[in-house]
Structures are given as structure tokens and as C-alpha cells.
Amino acid sequence: MEVFAALIPLFMMFIFIGIYLAIIGVCIWVVITFLKRQKERNETLQEIANHLKSIQIVNKEE
């Protein structure tokens, strides 16, 4: 019985360490996902900017 009572804090420690690592993992995943989406948006905006550069704007003459 004493051995089991001694293992309870050890199990609790492993559970808390696991939760801590899971939180850190989720934070890293969110940051990586955010950066990938921003990179995709920047590439799309760069393509749009390149297309707009190639279009010749004609002004109305009054």
C-alpha cells in the first residue's frame, strides 16, 4: 500500500508534464499554421501585384 501511495505523486507529475508538453505543442502548431497561411496570402498578393504592373492603365483625355 505504501508503494502505491508513493507512486501517486509520480503519476501526477507525468500527467502534468504531458499536459504542459501538449500545450506547448499546440502553440507551436498554431504559429506554424499561421505563418504558412500568411506566406500563401503574400504569394497571392504578389501575383496580383505582378498582374497589375503588366496592365496598362489608359486615362481619359478631357
N, C-alpha and C. Protein backbone atom coordinates (compact mmCIF):
# COMPACT_ATOMS: atom_id res chain seq x y z
N MET A 1 0.82 -1.20 0.00
CA MET A 1 0.00 0.00 0.00
C MET A 1 0.86 1.26 0.00
N GLU A 2 1.98 1.20 0.73
CA GLU A 2 2.86 2.36 0.78
C GLU A 2 3.51 2.63 -0.57
N VAL A 3 3.79 1.57 -1.31
CA VAL A 3 4.40 1.75 -2.62
C VAL A 3 3.41 2.44 -3.56
N PHE A 4 2.17 2.02 -3.51
CA PHE A 4 1.15 2.63 -4.34
C PHE A 4 0.97 4.11 -3.99
N ALA A 5 0.99 4.42 -2.69
CA ALA A 5 0.85 5.80 -2.25
C ALA A 5 2.04 6.64 -2.70
N ALA A 6 3.20 6.01 -2.81
CA ALA A 6 4.38 6.74 -3.25
C ALA A 6 4.36 6.98 -4.76
N LEU A 7 3.65 6.12 -5.50
CA LEU A 7 3.61 6.27 -6.95
C LEU A 7 2.59 7.31 -7.42
N ILE A 8 1.62 7.64 -6.58
CA ILE A 8 0.60 8.61 -6.97
C ILE A 8 1.21 9.96 -7.34
N PRO A 9 2.10 10.53 -6.54
CA PRO A 9 2.70 11.81 -6.96
C PRO A 9 3.51 11.70 -8.25
N LEU A 10 4.12 10.54 -8.44
CA LEU A 10 4.91 10.32 -9.66
C LEU A 10 3.98 10.33 -10.89
N PHE A 11 2.85 9.63 -10.79
CA PHE A 11 1.89 9.63 -11.89
C PHE A 11 1.33 11.02 -12.13
N MET A 12 1.05 11.73 -11.08
CA MET A 12 0.54 13.09 -11.22
C MET A 12 1.56 13.99 -11.92
N MET A 13 2.83 13.81 -11.59
CA MET A 13 3.88 14.59 -12.21
C MET A 13 3.93 14.31 -13.71
N PHE A 14 3.84 13.04 -14.09
CA PHE A 14 3.86 12.69 -15.51
C PHE A 14 2.65 13.25 -16.24
N ILE A 15 1.50 13.25 -15.59
CA ILE A 15 0.30 13.80 -16.20
C ILE A 15 0.46 15.30 -16.43
N PHE A 16 0.98 16.02 -15.44
CA PHE A 16 1.17 17.46 -15.60
C PHE A 16 2.22 17.79 -16.65
N ILE A 17 3.28 17.00 -16.71
CA ILE A 17 4.30 17.21 -17.73
C ILE A 17 3.71 16.96 -19.11
N GLY A 18 2.87 15.93 -19.24
CA GLY A 18 2.22 15.64 -20.51
C GLY A 18 1.30 16.77 -20.95
N ILE A 19 0.54 17.31 -20.02
CA ILE A 19 -0.35 18.44 -20.34
C ILE A 19 0.47 19.65 -20.76
N TYR A 20 1.55 19.92 -20.04
CA TYR A 20 2.42 21.04 -20.36
C TYR A 20 3.00 20.90 -21.77
N LEU A 21 3.49 19.71 -22.10
CA LEU A 21 4.06 19.48 -23.43
C LEU A 21 2.99 19.57 -24.52
N ALA A 22 1.77 19.13 -24.21
CA ALA A 22 0.68 19.23 -25.19
C ALA A 22 0.35 20.69 -25.47
N ILE A 23 0.33 21.51 -24.44
CA ILE A 23 0.05 22.93 -24.62
C ILE A 23 1.13 23.59 -25.47
N ILE A 24 2.37 23.27 -25.18
CA ILE A 24 3.47 23.83 -25.98
C ILE A 24 3.37 23.36 -27.42
N GLY A 25 3.05 22.08 -27.63
CA GLY A 25 2.90 21.55 -28.98
C GLY A 25 1.80 22.24 -29.76
N VAL A 26 0.67 22.48 -29.11
CA VAL A 26 -0.45 23.16 -29.78
C VAL A 26 -0.05 24.59 -30.13
N CYS A 27 0.64 25.27 -29.24
CA CYS A 27 1.09 26.65 -29.53
C CYS A 27 2.02 26.68 -30.73
N ILE A 28 2.95 25.76 -30.79
CA ILE A 28 3.88 25.70 -31.92
C ILE A 28 3.13 25.40 -33.21
N TRP A 29 2.15 24.49 -33.16
CA TRP A 29 1.35 24.15 -34.33
C TRP A 29 0.57 25.37 -34.83
N VAL A 30 -0.01 26.13 -33.92
CA VAL A 30 -0.78 27.32 -34.31
C VAL A 30 0.13 28.35 -34.98
N VAL A 31 1.31 28.56 -34.43
CA VAL A 31 2.24 29.54 -35.01
C VAL A 31 2.68 29.10 -36.40
N ILE A 32 3.01 27.82 -36.56
CA ILE A 32 3.46 27.33 -37.87
C ILE A 32 2.33 27.44 -38.89
N THR A 33 1.11 27.08 -38.50
CA THR A 33 -0.04 27.19 -39.40
C THR A 33 -0.28 28.63 -39.80
N PHE A 34 -0.21 29.55 -38.84
CA PHE A 34 -0.40 30.97 -39.12
C PHE A 34 0.64 31.47 -40.11
N LEU A 35 1.90 31.11 -39.90
CA LEU A 35 2.96 31.57 -40.79
C LEU A 35 2.81 31.01 -42.20
N LYS A 36 2.39 29.75 -42.32
CA LYS A 36 2.17 29.17 -43.65
C LYS A 36 1.05 29.89 -44.39
N ARG A 37 -0.04 30.18 -43.68
CA ARG A 37 -1.16 30.88 -44.33
C ARG A 37 -0.77 32.29 -44.73
N GLN A 38 0.00 32.96 -43.90
CA GLN A 38 0.46 34.31 -44.25
C GLN A 38 1.36 34.27 -45.48
N LYS A 39 2.20 33.24 -45.57
CA LYS A 39 3.09 33.11 -46.72
C LYS A 39 2.26 32.90 -47.99
N GLU A 40 1.21 32.05 -47.91
CA GLU A 40 0.35 31.83 -49.06
C GLU A 40 -0.36 33.12 -49.47
N ARG A 41 -0.84 33.87 -48.51
CA ARG A 41 -1.52 35.14 -48.82
C ARG A 41 -0.56 36.13 -49.46
N ASN A 42 0.67 36.19 -48.95
CA ASN A 42 1.66 37.10 -49.53
C ASN A 42 1.98 36.71 -50.97
N GLU A 43 2.08 35.40 -51.24
CA GLU A 43 2.36 34.96 -52.61
C GLU A 43 1.21 35.33 -53.54
N THR A 44 -0.01 35.15 -53.07
CA THR A 44 -1.18 35.52 -53.88
C THR A 44 -1.20 37.02 -54.15
N LEU A 45 -0.94 37.82 -53.13
CA LEU A 45 -0.91 39.27 -53.32
C LEU A 45 0.22 39.68 -54.26
N GLN A 46 1.35 38.98 -54.21
CA GLN A 46 2.46 39.29 -55.11
C GLN A 46 2.08 38.98 -56.54
N GLU A 47 1.36 37.88 -56.76
CA GLU A 47 0.89 37.56 -58.11
C GLU A 47 -0.07 38.63 -58.63
N ILE A 48 -0.97 39.06 -57.77
CA ILE A 48 -1.92 40.12 -58.16
C ILE A 48 -1.17 41.40 -58.50
N ALA A 49 -0.18 41.75 -57.70
CA ALA A 49 0.61 42.96 -57.95
C ALA A 49 1.37 42.85 -59.27
N ASN A 50 1.89 41.67 -59.56
CA ASN A 50 2.60 41.49 -60.84
C ASN A 50 1.65 41.62 -62.02
N HIS A 51 0.44 41.10 -61.90
CA HIS A 51 -0.54 41.24 -62.98
C HIS A 51 -0.94 42.70 -63.16
N LEU A 52 -1.08 43.42 -62.06
CA LEU A 52 -1.45 44.83 -62.16
C LEU A 52 -0.35 45.66 -62.79
N LYS A 53 0.91 45.28 -62.58
CA LYS A 53 2.02 46.00 -63.20
C LYS A 53 2.00 45.84 -64.72
N SER A 54 1.56 44.67 -65.18
CA SER A 54 1.58 44.41 -66.62
C SER A 54 0.39 45.04 -67.34
N ILE A 55 -0.64 45.43 -66.60
CA ILE A 55 -1.80 46.07 -67.21
C ILE A 55 -1.50 47.54 -67.44
N GLN A 56 -1.81 48.00 -68.66
CA GLN A 56 -1.56 49.39 -68.99
C GLN A 56 -2.84 50.16 -68.67
N ILE A 57 -2.70 51.18 -67.87
CA ILE A 57 -3.86 51.98 -67.49
C ILE A 57 -4.01 53.11 -68.49
N VAL A 58 -5.22 53.21 -69.05
CA VAL A 58 -5.50 54.25 -70.04
C VAL A 58 -6.32 55.34 -69.34
N ASN A 59 -5.79 56.55 -69.39
CA ASN A 59 -6.50 57.68 -68.79
C ASN A 59 -7.41 58.32 -69.82
N LYS A 60 -8.55 58.82 -69.37
CA LYS A 60 -9.45 59.55 -70.27
C LYS A 60 -8.88 60.93 -70.52
N GLU A 61 -8.91 61.32 -71.77
CA GLU A 61 -8.47 62.67 -72.09
C GLU A 61 -9.70 63.55 -72.15
N GLU A 62 -9.62 64.66 -71.50
CA GLU A 62 -10.78 65.56 -71.44
C GLU A 62 -10.77 66.53 -72.59
